[in-house]
């Protein structure tokens, strides 16, 4: 009788450990996915900042071009 109860407890503990390991694995996957998402968000922000800077430079170059054309016409 004692062995049957002990076996039942061991089986229950094994079931709980497997369940816990499953939960931990899912949480690790979710964390990894979230970290990858953060990396992409950071990269997008970086590209947006680069785009704004390039746009600003292009507008400045265009304004200089317009000034040179006006100076030539006069």
PDB file of N, CA and C in Angstrom:
ATOM      1  N   UNK A   1       0.821  -1.190   0.000  1.00  0.00           N
ATOM      2  CA  UNK A   1       0.000   0.000   0.000  1.00  0.00           C
ATOM      3  C   UNK A   1       0.865   1.254   0.000  1.00  0.00           C
ATOM      4  N   UNK A   2       1.901   1.233   0.809  1.00  0.00           N
ATOM      5  CA  UNK A   2       2.796   2.378   0.899  1.00  0.00           C
ATOM      6  C   UNK A   2       3.450   2.674  -0.455  1.00  0.00           C
ATOM      7  N   UNK A   3       3.845   1.658  -1.198  1.00  0.00           N
ATOM      8  CA  UNK A   3       4.488   1.820  -2.501  1.00  0.00           C
ATOM      9  C   UNK A   3       3.509   2.380  -3.517  1.00  0.00           C
ATOM     10  N   UNK A   4       2.260   1.973  -3.463  1.00  0.00           N
ATOM     11  CA  UNK A   4       1.254   2.479  -4.397  1.00  0.00           C
ATOM     12  C   UNK A   4       1.050   3.977  -4.202  1.00  0.00           C
ATOM     13  N   UNK A   5       0.993   4.427  -2.953  1.00  0.00           N
ATOM     14  CA  UNK A   5       0.829   5.851  -2.662  1.00  0.00           C
ATOM     15  C   UNK A   5       2.068   6.612  -3.103  1.00  0.00           C
ATOM     16  N   UNK A   6       3.231   6.036  -2.831  1.00  0.00           N
ATOM     17  CA  UNK A   6       4.483   6.669  -3.227  1.00  0.00           C
ATOM     18  C   UNK A   6       4.565   6.790  -4.751  1.00  0.00           C
ATOM     19  N   UNK A   7       4.178   5.754  -5.461  1.00  0.00           N
ATOM     20  CA  UNK A   7       4.182   5.788  -6.924  1.00  0.00           C
ATOM     21  C   UNK A   7       3.199   6.836  -7.446  1.00  0.00           C
ATOM     22  N   UNK A   8       2.046   6.940  -6.795  1.00  0.00           N
ATOM     23  CA  UNK A   8       1.050   7.925  -7.209  1.00  0.00           C
ATOM     24  C   UNK A   8       1.598   9.342  -7.017  1.00  0.00           C
ATOM     25  N   UNK A   9       2.255   9.576  -5.890  1.00  0.00           N
ATOM     26  CA  UNK A   9       2.846  10.896  -5.641  1.00  0.00           C
ATOM     27  C   UNK A   9       3.944  11.209  -6.663  1.00  0.00           C
ATOM     28  N   UNK A  10       4.780  10.229  -6.923  1.00  0.00           N
ATOM     29  CA  UNK A  10       5.857  10.432  -7.897  1.00  0.00           C
ATOM     30  C   UNK A  10       5.295  10.736  -9.287  1.00  0.00           C
ATOM     31  N   UNK A  11       4.224  10.023  -9.653  1.00  0.00           N
ATOM     32  CA  UNK A  11       3.598  10.267 -10.947  1.00  0.00           C
ATOM     33  C   UNK A  11       3.004  11.677 -10.988  1.00  0.00           C
ATOM     34  N   UNK A  12       2.372  12.091  -9.902  1.00  0.00           N
ATOM     35  CA  UNK A  12       1.782  13.429  -9.828  1.00  0.00           C
ATOM     36  C   UNK A  12       2.876  14.499  -9.911  1.00  0.00           C
ATOM     37  N   UNK A  13       3.982  14.282  -9.217  1.00  0.00           N
ATOM     38  CA  UNK A  13       5.104  15.222  -9.264  1.00  0.00           C
ATOM     39  C   UNK A  13       5.664  15.304 -10.681  1.00  0.00           C
ATOM     40  N   UNK A  14       5.808  14.174 -11.330  1.00  0.00           N
ATOM     41  CA  UNK A  14       6.310  14.149 -12.714  1.00  0.00           C
ATOM     42  C   UNK A  14       5.359  14.907 -13.642  1.00  0.00           C
ATOM     43  N   UNK A  15       4.082  14.732 -13.458  1.00  0.00           N
ATOM     44  CA  UNK A  15       3.086  15.440 -14.263  1.00  0.00           C
ATOM     45  C   UNK A  15       3.183  16.948 -14.039  1.00  0.00           C
ATOM     46  N   UNK A  16       3.315  17.339 -12.788  1.00  0.00           N
ATOM     47  CA  UNK A  16       3.444  18.764 -12.458  1.00  0.00           C
ATOM     48  C   UNK A  16       4.729  19.357 -13.051  1.00  0.00           C
ATOM     49  N   UNK A  17       5.815  18.612 -12.968  1.00  0.00           N
ATOM     50  CA  UNK A  17       7.079  19.094 -13.533  1.00  0.00           C
ATOM     51  C   UNK A  17       6.983  19.249 -15.053  1.00  0.00           C
ATOM     52  N   UNK A  18       6.365  18.278 -15.703  1.00  0.00           N
ATOM     53  CA  UNK A  18       6.194  18.380 -17.159  1.00  0.00           C
ATOM     54  C   UNK A  18       5.330  19.577 -17.527  1.00  0.00           C
ATOM     55  N   UNK A  19       4.274  19.790 -16.770  1.00  0.00           N
ATOM     56  CA  UNK A  19       3.389  20.926 -17.001  1.00  0.00           C
ATOM     57  C   UNK A  19       4.138  22.235 -16.781  1.00  0.00           C
ATOM     58  N   UNK A  20       4.909  22.291 -15.711  1.00  0.00           N
ATOM     59  CA  UNK A  20       5.689  23.498 -15.403  1.00  0.00           C
ATOM     60  C   UNK A  20       6.724  23.762 -16.491  1.00  0.00           C
ATOM     61  N   UNK A  21       7.394  22.732 -16.941  1.00  0.00           N
ATOM     62  CA  UNK A  21       8.382  22.891 -18.013  1.00  0.00           C
ATOM     63  C   UNK A  21       7.730  23.395 -19.292  1.00  0.00           C
ATOM     64  N   UNK A  22       6.546  22.929 -19.553  1.00  0.00           N
ATOM     65  CA  UNK A  22       5.813  23.378 -20.734  1.00  0.00           C
ATOM     66  C   UNK A  22       5.482  24.865 -20.639  1.00  0.00           C
ATOM     67  N   UNK A  23       5.014  25.277 -19.471  1.00  0.00           N
ATOM     68  CA  UNK A  23       4.680  26.691 -19.244  1.00  0.00           C
ATOM     69  C   UNK A  23       5.931  27.552 -19.389  1.00  0.00           C
ATOM     70  N   UNK A  24       7.027  27.112 -18.787  1.00  0.00           N
ATOM     71  CA  UNK A  24       8.282  27.867 -18.867  1.00  0.00           C
ATOM     72  C   UNK A  24       8.745  27.977 -20.318  1.00  0.00           C
ATOM     73  N   UNK A  25       8.651  26.907 -21.071  1.00  0.00           N
ATOM     74  CA  UNK A  25       9.058  26.938 -22.479  1.00  0.00           C
ATOM     75  C   UNK A  25       8.216  27.931 -23.273  1.00  0.00           C
ATOM     76  N   UNK A  26       6.912  27.944 -23.046  1.00  0.00           N
ATOM     77  CA  UNK A  26       6.039  28.889 -23.748  1.00  0.00           C
ATOM     78  C   UNK A  26       6.386  30.324 -23.377  1.00  0.00           C
ATOM     79  N   UNK A  27       6.684  30.560 -22.101  1.00  0.00           N
ATOM     80  CA  UNK A  27       7.039  31.899 -21.651  1.00  0.00           C
ATOM     81  C   UNK A  27       8.372  32.346 -22.266  1.00  0.00           C
ATOM     82  N   UNK A  28       9.327  31.434 -22.361  1.00  0.00           N
ATOM     83  CA  UNK A  28      10.611  31.757 -22.999  1.00  0.00           C
ATOM     84  C   UNK A  28      10.404  32.122 -24.462  1.00  0.00           C
ATOM     85  N   UNK A  29       9.573  31.363 -25.150  1.00  0.00           N
ATOM     86  CA  UNK A  29       9.280  31.657 -26.559  1.00  0.00           C
ATOM     87  C   UNK A  29       8.607  33.022 -26.695  1.00  0.00           C
ATOM     88  N   UNK A  30       7.682  33.327 -25.806  1.00  0.00           N
ATOM     89  CA  UNK A  30       6.990  34.615 -25.849  1.00  0.00           C
ATOM     90  C   UNK A  30       7.972  35.749 -25.585  1.00  0.00           C
ATOM     91  N   UNK A  31       8.877  35.557 -24.651  1.00  0.00           N
ATOM     92  CA  UNK A  31       9.881  36.568 -24.340  1.00  0.00           C
ATOM     93  C   UNK A  31      10.810  36.789 -25.523  1.00  0.00           C
ATOM     94  N   UNK A  32      11.251  35.716 -26.141  1.00  0.00           N
ATOM     95  CA  UNK A  32      12.114  35.825 -27.317  1.00  0.00           C
ATOM     96  C   UNK A  32      11.397  36.568 -28.429  1.00  0.00           C
ATOM     97  N   UNK A  33      10.152  36.232 -28.641  1.00  0.00           N
ATOM     98  CA  UNK A  33       9.358  36.899 -29.683  1.00  0.00           C
ATOM     99  C   UNK A  33       9.219  38.391 -29.383  1.00  0.00           C
ATOM    100  N   UNK A  34       8.977  38.728 -28.124  1.00  0.00           N
ATOM    101  CA  UNK A  34       8.840  40.139 -27.731  1.00  0.00           C
ATOM    102  C   UNK A  34      10.151  40.881 -27.926  1.00  0.00           C
ATOM    103  N   UNK A  35      11.263  40.237 -27.593  1.00  0.00           N
ATOM    104  CA  UNK A  35      12.571  40.877 -27.765  1.00  0.00           C
ATOM    105  C   UNK A  35      12.866  41.106 -29.240  1.00  0.00           C
ATOM    106  N   UNK A  36      12.507  40.158 -30.090  1.00  0.00           N
ATOM    107  CA  UNK A  36      12.694  40.337 -31.527  1.00  0.00           C
ATOM    108  C   UNK A  36      11.842  41.495 -32.033  1.00  0.00           C
ATOM    109  N   UNK A  37      10.628  41.603 -31.504  1.00  0.00           N
ATOM    110  CA  UNK A  37       9.751  42.709 -31.877  1.00  0.00           C
ATOM    111  C   UNK A  37      10.349  44.043 -31.472  1.00  0.00           C
ATOM    112  N   UNK A  38      10.945  44.095 -30.281  1.00  0.00           N
ATOM    113  CA  UNK A  38      11.589  45.329 -29.826  1.00  0.00           C
ATOM    114  C   UNK A  38      12.767  45.684 -30.715  1.00  0.00           C
ATOM    115  N   UNK A  39      13.511  44.688 -31.147  1.00  0.00           N
ATOM    116  CA  UNK A  39      14.650  44.939 -32.038  1.00  0.00           C
ATOM    117  C   UNK A  39      14.166  45.533 -33.356  1.00  0.00           C
ATOM    118  N   UNK A  40      13.070  44.997 -33.881  1.00  0.00           N
ATOM    119  CA  UNK A  40      12.523  45.533 -35.132  1.00  0.00           C
ATOM    120  C   UNK A  40      12.020  46.957 -34.942  1.00  0.00           C
ATOM    121  N   UNK A  41      11.367  47.216 -33.825  1.00  0.00           N
ATOM    122  CA  UNK A  41      10.874  48.566 -33.552  1.00  0.00           C
ATOM    123  C   UNK A  41      12.028  49.553 -33.485  1.00  0.00           C
ATOM    124  N   UNK A  42      13.102  49.135 -32.852  1.00  0.00           N
ATOM    125  CA  UNK A  42      14.289  49.989 -32.755  1.00  0.00           C
ATOM    126  C   UNK A  42      14.865  50.261 -34.138  1.00  0.00           C
ATOM    127  N   UNK A  43      14.940  49.233 -34.962  1.00  0.00           N
ATOM    128  CA  UNK A  43      15.468  49.386 -36.322  1.00  0.00           C
ATOM    129  C   UNK A  43      14.576  50.325 -37.136  1.00  0.00           C
ATOM    130  N   UNK A  44      13.265  50.210 -36.981  1.00  0.00           N
ATOM    131  CA  UNK A  44      12.322  51.078 -37.705  1.00  0.00           C
ATOM    132  C   UNK A  44      12.505  52.518 -37.264  1.00  0.00           C
ATOM    133  N   UNK A  45      12.644  52.741 -35.951  1.00  0.00           N
ATOM    134  CA  UNK A  45      12.871  54.105 -35.453  1.00  0.00           C
ATOM    135  C   UNK A  45      14.164  54.683 -36.021  1.00  0.00           C
ATOM    136  N   UNK A  46      15.183  53.857 -36.091  1.00  0.00           N
ATOM    137  CA  UNK A  46      16.465  54.292 -36.638  1.00  0.00           C
ATOM    138  C   UNK A  46      16.321  54.667 -38.111  1.00  0.00           C
ATOM    139  N   UNK A  47      15.615  53.859 -38.874  1.00  0.00           N
ATOM    140  CA  UNK A  47      15.414  54.150 -40.288  1.00  0.00           C
ATOM    141  C   UNK A  47      14.562  55.400 -40.485  1.00  0.00           C
ATOM    142  N   UNK A  48      13.571  55.590 -39.633  1.00  0.00           N
ATOM    143  CA  UNK A  48      12.745  56.796 -39.726  1.00  0.00           C
ATOM    144  C   UNK A  48      13.588  58.040 -39.463  1.00  0.00           C
ATOM    145  N   UNK A  49      14.456  57.983 -38.468  1.00  0.00           N
ATOM    146  CA  UNK A  49      15.330  59.124 -38.160  1.00  0.00           C
ATOM    147  C   UNK A  49      16.276  59.393 -39.321  1.00  0.00           C
ATOM    148  N   UNK A  50      16.791  58.340 -39.912  1.00  0.00           N
ATOM    149  CA  UNK A  50      17.675  58.484 -41.067  1.00  0.00           C
ATOM    150  C   UNK A  50      16.917  59.115 -42.233  1.00  0.00           C
ATOM    151  N   UNK A  51      15.693  58.690 -42.440  1.00  0.00           N
ATOM    152  CA  UNK A  51      14.868  59.229 -43.524  1.00  0.00           C
ATOM    153  C   UNK A  51      14.617  60.726 -43.321  1.00  0.00           C
ATOM    154  N   UNK A  52      14.293  61.109 -42.099  1.00  0.00           N
ATOM    155  CA  UNK A  52      14.042  62.523 -41.795  1.00  0.00           C
ATOM    156  C   UNK A  52      15.295  63.343 -42.077  1.00  0.00           C
ATOM    157  N   UNK A  53      16.442  62.841 -41.663  1.00  0.00           N
ATOM    158  CA  UNK A  53      17.703  63.563 -41.890  1.00  0.00           C
ATOM    159  C   UNK A  53      18.002  63.681 -43.391  1.00  0.00           C
ATOM    160  N   UNK A  54      17.820  62.603 -44.131  1.00  0.00           N
ATOM    161  CA  UNK A  54      18.069  62.640 -45.578  1.00  0.00           C
ATOM    162  C   UNK A  54      17.096  63.587 -46.277  1.00  0.00           C
ATOM    163  N   UNK A  55      15.859  63.599 -45.834  1.00  0.00           N
ATOM    164  CA  UNK A  55      14.858  64.499 -46.409  1.00  0.00           C
ATOM    165  C   UNK A  55      15.259  65.950 -46.163  1.00  0.00           C
ATOM    166  N   UNK A  56      15.704  66.234 -44.946  1.00  0.00           N
ATOM    167  CA  UNK A  56      16.147  67.584 -44.599  1.00  0.00           C
ATOM    168  C   UNK A  56      17.322  68.005 -45.489  1.00  0.00           C
ATOM    169  N   UNK A  57      18.279  67.125 -45.648  1.00  0.00           N
ATOM    170  CA  UNK A  57      19.441  67.421 -46.494  1.00  0.00           C
ATOM    171  C   UNK A  57      19.020  67.650 -47.941  1.00  0.00           C
ATOM    172  N   UNK A  58      18.110  66.837 -48.428  1.00  0.00           N
ATOM    173  CA  UNK A  58      17.634  66.988 -49.807  1.00  0.00           C
ATOM    174  C   UNK A  58      16.933  68.324 -50.005  1.00  0.00           C
ATOM    175  N   UNK A  59      16.117  68.719 -49.041  1.00  0.00           N
ATOM    176  CA  UNK A  59      15.429  70.010 -49.143  1.00  0.00           C
ATOM    177  C   UNK A  59      16.428  71.171 -49.122  1.00  0.00           C
ATOM    178  N   UNK A  60      17.458  71.050 -48.291  1.00  0.00           N
ATOM    179  CA  UNK A  60      18.482  72.085 -48.257  1.00  0.00           C
ATOM    180  C   UNK A  60      19.217  72.172 -49.588  1.00  0.00           C
ATOM    181  N   UNK A  61      19.547  71.027 -50.160  1.00  0.00           N
ATOM    182  CA  UNK A  61      20.225  71.016 -51.459  1.00  0.00           C
ATOM    183  C   UNK A  61      19.320  71.604 -52.539  1.00  0.00           C
ATOM    184  N   UNK A  62      18.046  71.304 -52.477  1.00  0.00           N
ATOM    185  CA  UNK A  62      17.114  71.831 -53.463  1.00  0.00           C
ATOM    186  C   UNK A  62      16.998  73.349 -53.333  1.00  0.00           C
ATOM    187  N   UNK A  63      16.963  73.846 -52.108  1.00  0.00           N
ATOM    188  CA  UNK A  63      16.892  75.294 -51.898  1.00  0.00           C
ATOM    189  C   UNK A  63      18.146  75.972 -52.453  1.00  0.00           C
ATOM    190  N   UNK A  64      19.302  75.371 -52.249  1.00  0.00           N
ATOM    191  CA  UNK A  64      20.547  75.912 -52.807  1.00  0.00           C
ATOM    192  C   UNK A  64      20.485  75.921 -54.334  1.00  0.00           C
ATOM    193  N   UNK A  65      19.972  74.863 -54.909  1.00  0.00           N
ATOM    194  CA  UNK A  65      19.841  74.758 -56.366  1.00  0.00           C
ATOM    195  C   UNK A  65      18.930  75.869 -56.890  1.00  0.00           C
ATOM    196  N   UNK A  66      17.809  76.078 -56.208  1.00  0.00           N
ATOM    197  CA  UNK A  66      16.884  77.139 -56.621  1.00  0.00           C
ATOM    198  C   UNK A  66      17.551  78.514 -56.544  1.00  0.00           C
ATOM    199  N   UNK A  67      18.327  78.753 -55.488  1.00  0.00           N
ATOM    200  CA  UNK A  67      19.027  80.032 -55.341  1.00  0.00           C
ATOM    201  C   UNK A  67      20.028  80.236 -56.470  1.00  0.00           C
ATOM    202  N   UNK A  68      20.746  79.187 -56.828  1.00  0.00           N
ATOM    203  CA  UNK A  68      21.724  79.304 -57.931  1.00  0.00           C
ATOM    204  C   UNK A  68      21.032  79.585 -59.248  1.00  0.00           C
ATOM    205  N   UNK A  69      19.896  78.941 -59.480  1.00  0.00           N
ATOM    206  CA  UNK A  69      19.156  79.195 -60.723  1.00  0.00           C
ATOM    207  C   UNK A  69      18.655  80.649 -60.772  1.00  0.00           C
ATOM    208  N   UNK A  70      18.121  81.118 -59.664  1.00  0.00           N
ATOM    209  CA  UNK A  70      17.656  82.508 -59.619  1.00  0.00           C
ATOM    210  C   UNK A  70      18.813  83.486 -59.841  1.00  0.00           C
ATOM    211  N   UNK A  71      19.962  83.168 -59.263  1.00  0.00           N
ATOM    212  CA  UNK A  71      21.131  84.046 -59.435  1.00  0.00           C
ATOM    213  C   UNK A  71      21.572  84.059 -60.899  1.00  0.00           C
ATOM    214  N   UNK A  72      21.524  82.920 -61.569  1.00  0.00           N
ATOM    215  CA  UNK A  72      21.906  82.853 -62.991  1.00  0.00           C
ATOM    216  C   UNK A  72      20.934  83.653 -63.841  1.00  0.00           C
ATOM    217  N   UNK A  73      19.648  83.555 -63.521  1.00  0.00           N
ATOM    218  CA  UNK A  73      18.638  84.265 -64.311  1.00  0.00           C
ATOM    219  C   UNK A  73      18.778  85.784 -64.168  1.00  0.00           C
ATOM    220  N   UNK A  74      19.243  86.245 -63.033  1.00  0.00           N
ATOM    221  CA  UNK A  74      19.380  87.680 -62.814  1.00  0.00           C
ATOM    222  C   UNK A  74      20.708  88.097 -63.338  1.00  0.00           C
TER     223      UNK A  74
END
